[in-house]
Amino acid sequence: PIGAMVLFGFFNSSFSHQLPHSHWFGAALVVLTSFGLLSDFPFISHHGRKLQNWVILIVVLAYTTAIAQALFYRRFFWDSLFLYMSIYIFLGWIVLSCSERKQFWQAVGEWKAKLR
C-alpha cells in the first residue's frame, strides 16, 4: 500500500537522518499512517475516471524522474520517493472539483449508514 511506501521512503531517506528529533517525527508518521490504513477514512481512487492533463503530466514526470534517479543517481532516491508518495496521498483530494468532493462524501455517508 501507499502508506508503506511513505514509511519506507521516510526511514531510508537522508532527510530523516538530518532532521532534528527525527525519531519523534517518524513515530508520528507511523501512527498517522497506521490510522489512515486501519480506519474507515476513505482513500480517493481514480480508477475509471478521466484525469486532467496536468495530473497526467505530473504522474508521468514523477515516474520518469523516479526511474532515472534509481538508475543514475541513487543518493536521493528515498527522499524523492517519500516526497512523491506523500504528494500522491493528497493528490486524490486536490484534483477533485467541489461537486465531486460533495458527491464523494455523500456516497461515503451512505456507505457508513449501511454498515450500521
C-alpha atoms as a PDB file:
ATOM      1  CA  PRO A   1       0.000   0.000   0.000  1.00  0.00           C
ATOM      2  CA  ILE A   2       0.897   3.596  -0.431  1.00  0.00           C
ATOM      3  CA  GLY A   3       1.298   4.054   3.324  1.00  0.00           C
ATOM      4  CA  ALA A   4       4.111   1.509   3.393  1.00  0.00           C
ATOM      5  CA  MET A   5       5.899   3.358   0.585  1.00  0.00           C
ATOM      6  CA  VAL A   6       5.669   6.616   2.559  1.00  0.00           C
ATOM      7  CA  LEU A   7       7.245   4.914   5.576  1.00  0.00           C
ATOM      8  CA  PHE A   8       9.964   3.194   3.501  1.00  0.00           C
ATOM      9  CA  GLY A   9      10.749   6.489   1.827  1.00  0.00           C
ATOM     10  CA  PHE A  10      10.990   8.418   5.089  1.00  0.00           C
ATOM     11  CA  PHE A  11      13.054   5.917   7.094  1.00  0.00           C
ATOM     12  CA  ASN A  12      15.525   5.339   4.241  1.00  0.00           C
ATOM     13  CA  SER A  13      15.852   8.979   3.208  1.00  0.00           C
ATOM     14  CA  SER A  14      18.837  11.154   4.005  1.00  0.00           C
ATOM     15  CA  PHE A  15      16.313  13.790   5.084  1.00  0.00           C
ATOM     16  CA  SER A  16      15.226  11.674   8.045  1.00  0.00           C
ATOM     17  CA  HIS A  17      18.800  11.426   9.323  1.00  0.00           C
ATOM     18  CA  GLN A  18      19.360  15.179   9.170  1.00  0.00           C
ATOM     19  CA  LEU A  19      16.071  16.212  10.781  1.00  0.00           C
ATOM     20  CA  PRO A  20      16.434  17.022  14.486  1.00  0.00           C
ATOM     21  CA  HIS A  21      14.443  14.598  16.626  1.00  0.00           C
ATOM     22  CA  SER A  22      13.537  12.601  13.525  1.00  0.00           C
ATOM     23  CA  HIS A  23      12.614   9.601  15.660  1.00  0.00           C
ATOM     24  CA  TRP A  24       9.620  11.539  17.011  1.00  0.00           C
ATOM     25  CA  PHE A  25       8.583  12.612  13.533  1.00  0.00           C
ATOM     26  CA  GLY A  26       8.976   9.010  12.356  1.00  0.00           C
ATOM     27  CA  ALA A  27       6.887   7.711  15.246  1.00  0.00           C
ATOM     28  CA  ALA A  28       4.137  10.228  14.493  1.00  0.00           C
ATOM     29  CA  LEU A  29       4.288   9.299  10.811  1.00  0.00           C
ATOM     30  CA  VAL A  30       3.891   5.600  11.656  1.00  0.00           C
ATOM     31  CA  VAL A  31       0.899   6.313  13.935  1.00  0.00           C
ATOM     32  CA  LEU A  32      -0.816   8.594  11.392  1.00  0.00           C
ATOM     33  CA  THR A  33      -0.171   6.216   8.510  1.00  0.00           C
ATOM     34  CA  SER A  34      -1.440   3.266  10.538  1.00  0.00           C
ATOM     35  CA  PHE A  35      -4.558   5.211  11.484  1.00  0.00           C
ATOM     36  CA  GLY A  36      -5.170   6.045   7.824  1.00  0.00           C
ATOM     37  CA  LEU A  37      -4.779   2.426   6.765  1.00  0.00           C
ATOM     38  CA  LEU A  38      -6.823   0.874   9.571  1.00  0.00           C
ATOM     39  CA  SER A  39      -9.632   3.408   9.831  1.00  0.00           C
ATOM     40  CA  ASP A  40     -12.608   3.788   7.548  1.00  0.00           C
ATOM     41  CA  PHE A  41     -11.360   7.168   6.320  1.00  0.00           C
ATOM     42  CA  PRO A  42     -11.824   6.957   2.538  1.00  0.00           C
ATOM     43  CA  PHE A  43      -8.968   6.909   0.060  1.00  0.00           C
ATOM     44  CA  ILE A  44      -9.725   8.550  -3.268  1.00  0.00           C
ATOM     45  CA  SER A  45      -9.268   6.175  -6.195  1.00  0.00           C
ATOM     46  CA  HIS A  46      -9.292   7.359  -9.782  1.00  0.00           C
ATOM     47  CA  HIS A  47      -9.948   4.035 -11.453  1.00  0.00           C
ATOM     48  CA  GLY A  48     -12.281   4.551 -14.386  1.00  0.00           C
ATOM     49  CA  ARG A  49     -12.074   8.340 -14.105  1.00  0.00           C
ATOM     50  CA  LYS A  50     -10.655  10.665 -16.745  1.00  0.00           C
ATOM     51  CA  LEU A  51      -7.832  12.690 -15.212  1.00  0.00           C
ATOM     52  CA  GLN A  52      -6.955  16.251 -16.139  1.00  0.00           C
ATOM     53  CA  ASN A  53      -3.954  16.722 -18.440  1.00  0.00           C
ATOM     54  CA  TRP A  54      -1.887  18.432 -15.737  1.00  0.00           C
ATOM     55  CA  VAL A  55      -2.385  15.450 -13.408  1.00  0.00           C
ATOM     56  CA  ILE A  56      -1.258  13.025 -16.120  1.00  0.00           C
ATOM     57  CA  LEU A  57       1.806  15.204 -16.744  1.00  0.00           C
ATOM     58  CA  ILE A  58       2.711  15.172 -13.033  1.00  0.00           C
ATOM     59  CA  VAL A  59       2.323  11.379 -12.822  1.00  0.00           C
ATOM     60  CA  VAL A  60       4.441  10.765 -15.937  1.00  0.00           C
ATOM     61  CA  LEU A  61       7.079  13.199 -14.677  1.00  0.00           C
ATOM     62  CA  ALA A  62       7.173  11.513 -11.257  1.00  0.00           C
ATOM     63  CA  TYR A  63       7.565   8.032 -12.768  1.00  0.00           C
ATOM     64  CA  THR A  64      10.233   9.207 -15.207  1.00  0.00           C
ATOM     65  CA  THR A  65      12.312  11.029 -12.613  1.00  0.00           C
ATOM     66  CA  ALA A  66      11.996   8.189 -10.078  1.00  0.00           C
ATOM     67  CA  ILE A  67      13.186   5.588 -12.603  1.00  0.00           C
ATOM     68  CA  ALA A  68      16.002   7.833 -13.840  1.00  0.00           C
ATOM     69  CA  GLN A  69      17.060   8.571 -10.300  1.00  0.00           C
ATOM     70  CA  ALA A  70      17.022   4.874  -9.340  1.00  0.00           C
ATOM     71  CA  LEU A  71      19.216   4.084 -12.342  1.00  0.00           C
ATOM     72  CA  PHE A  72      21.649   7.001 -12.368  1.00  0.00           C
ATOM     73  CA  TYR A  73      21.600   8.959  -9.107  1.00  0.00           C
ATOM     74  CA  ARG A  74      20.562   6.801  -6.176  1.00  0.00           C
ATOM     75  CA  ARG A  75      21.727   9.119  -3.429  1.00  0.00           C
ATOM     76  CA  PHE A  76      18.364  10.875  -3.070  1.00  0.00           C
ATOM     77  CA  PHE A  77      16.073   8.134  -4.366  1.00  0.00           C
ATOM     78  CA  TRP A  78      14.392   7.542  -0.998  1.00  0.00           C
ATOM     79  CA  ASP A  79      13.967  11.270  -0.424  1.00  0.00           C
ATOM     80  CA  SER A  80      12.161  11.682  -3.722  1.00  0.00           C
ATOM     81  CA  LEU A  81      10.113   8.525  -3.103  1.00  0.00           C
ATOM     82  CA  PHE A  82       8.971   9.966   0.231  1.00  0.00           C
ATOM     83  CA  LEU A  83       8.079  13.250  -1.464  1.00  0.00           C
ATOM     84  CA  TYR A  84       6.220  11.613  -4.368  1.00  0.00           C
ATOM     85  CA  MET A  85       4.251   9.211  -2.187  1.00  0.00           C
ATOM     86  CA  SER A  86       3.331  11.971   0.278  1.00  0.00           C
ATOM     87  CA  ILE A  87       2.059  14.105  -2.591  1.00  0.00           C
ATOM     88  CA  TYR A  88       0.169  11.121  -4.028  1.00  0.00           C
ATOM     89  CA  ILE A  89      -1.782  10.654  -0.810  1.00  0.00           C
ATOM     90  CA  PHE A  90      -3.139  14.213  -1.012  1.00  0.00           C
ATOM     91  CA  LEU A  91      -3.299  14.488  -4.817  1.00  0.00           C
ATOM     92  CA  GLY A  92      -6.514  12.482  -4.908  1.00  0.00           C
ATOM     93  CA  TRP A  93      -8.270  15.178  -2.907  1.00  0.00           C
ATOM     94  CA  ILE A  94      -6.676  18.071  -4.787  1.00  0.00           C
ATOM     95  CA  VAL A  95      -7.832  17.030  -8.269  1.00  0.00           C
ATOM     96  CA  LEU A  96     -11.494  16.677  -7.256  1.00  0.00           C
ATOM     97  CA  SER A  97     -13.833  19.540  -8.016  1.00  0.00           C
ATOM     98  CA  CYS A  98     -16.121  20.845  -5.246  1.00  0.00           C
ATOM     99  CA  SER A  99     -19.134  19.000  -6.670  1.00  0.00           C
ATOM    100  CA  GLU A 100     -17.146  15.743  -6.934  1.00  0.00           C
ATOM    101  CA  ARG A 101     -15.998  16.123  -3.320  1.00  0.00           C
ATOM    102  CA  LYS A 102     -19.596  16.679  -2.224  1.00  0.00           C
ATOM    103  CA  GLN A 103     -20.783  13.591  -4.146  1.00  0.00           C
ATOM    104  CA  PHE A 104     -17.919  11.571  -2.726  1.00  0.00           C
ATOM    105  CA  TRP A 105     -18.712  12.480   0.892  1.00  0.00           C
ATOM    106  CA  GLN A 106     -22.389  11.804   0.280  1.00  0.00           C
ATOM    107  CA  ALA A 107     -21.544   8.323  -1.041  1.00  0.00           C
ATOM    108  CA  VAL A 108     -19.257   7.704   1.949  1.00  0.00           C
ATOM    109  CA  GLY A 109     -22.050   8.766   4.325  1.00  0.00           C
ATOM    110  CA  GLU A 110     -24.487   6.357   2.635  1.00  0.00           C
ATOM    111  CA  TRP A 111     -21.947   3.549   2.802  1.00  0.00           C
ATOM    112  CA  LYS A 112     -21.323   4.145   6.524  1.00  0.00           C
ATOM    113  CA  ALA A 113     -25.078   4.243   7.159  1.00  0.00           C
ATOM    114  CA  LYS A 114     -25.456   0.814   5.531  1.00  0.00           C
ATOM    115  CA  LEU A 115     -22.741  -0.604   7.764  1.00  0.00           C
ATOM    116  CA  ARG A 116     -24.505   0.451  10.967  1.00  0.00           C
END
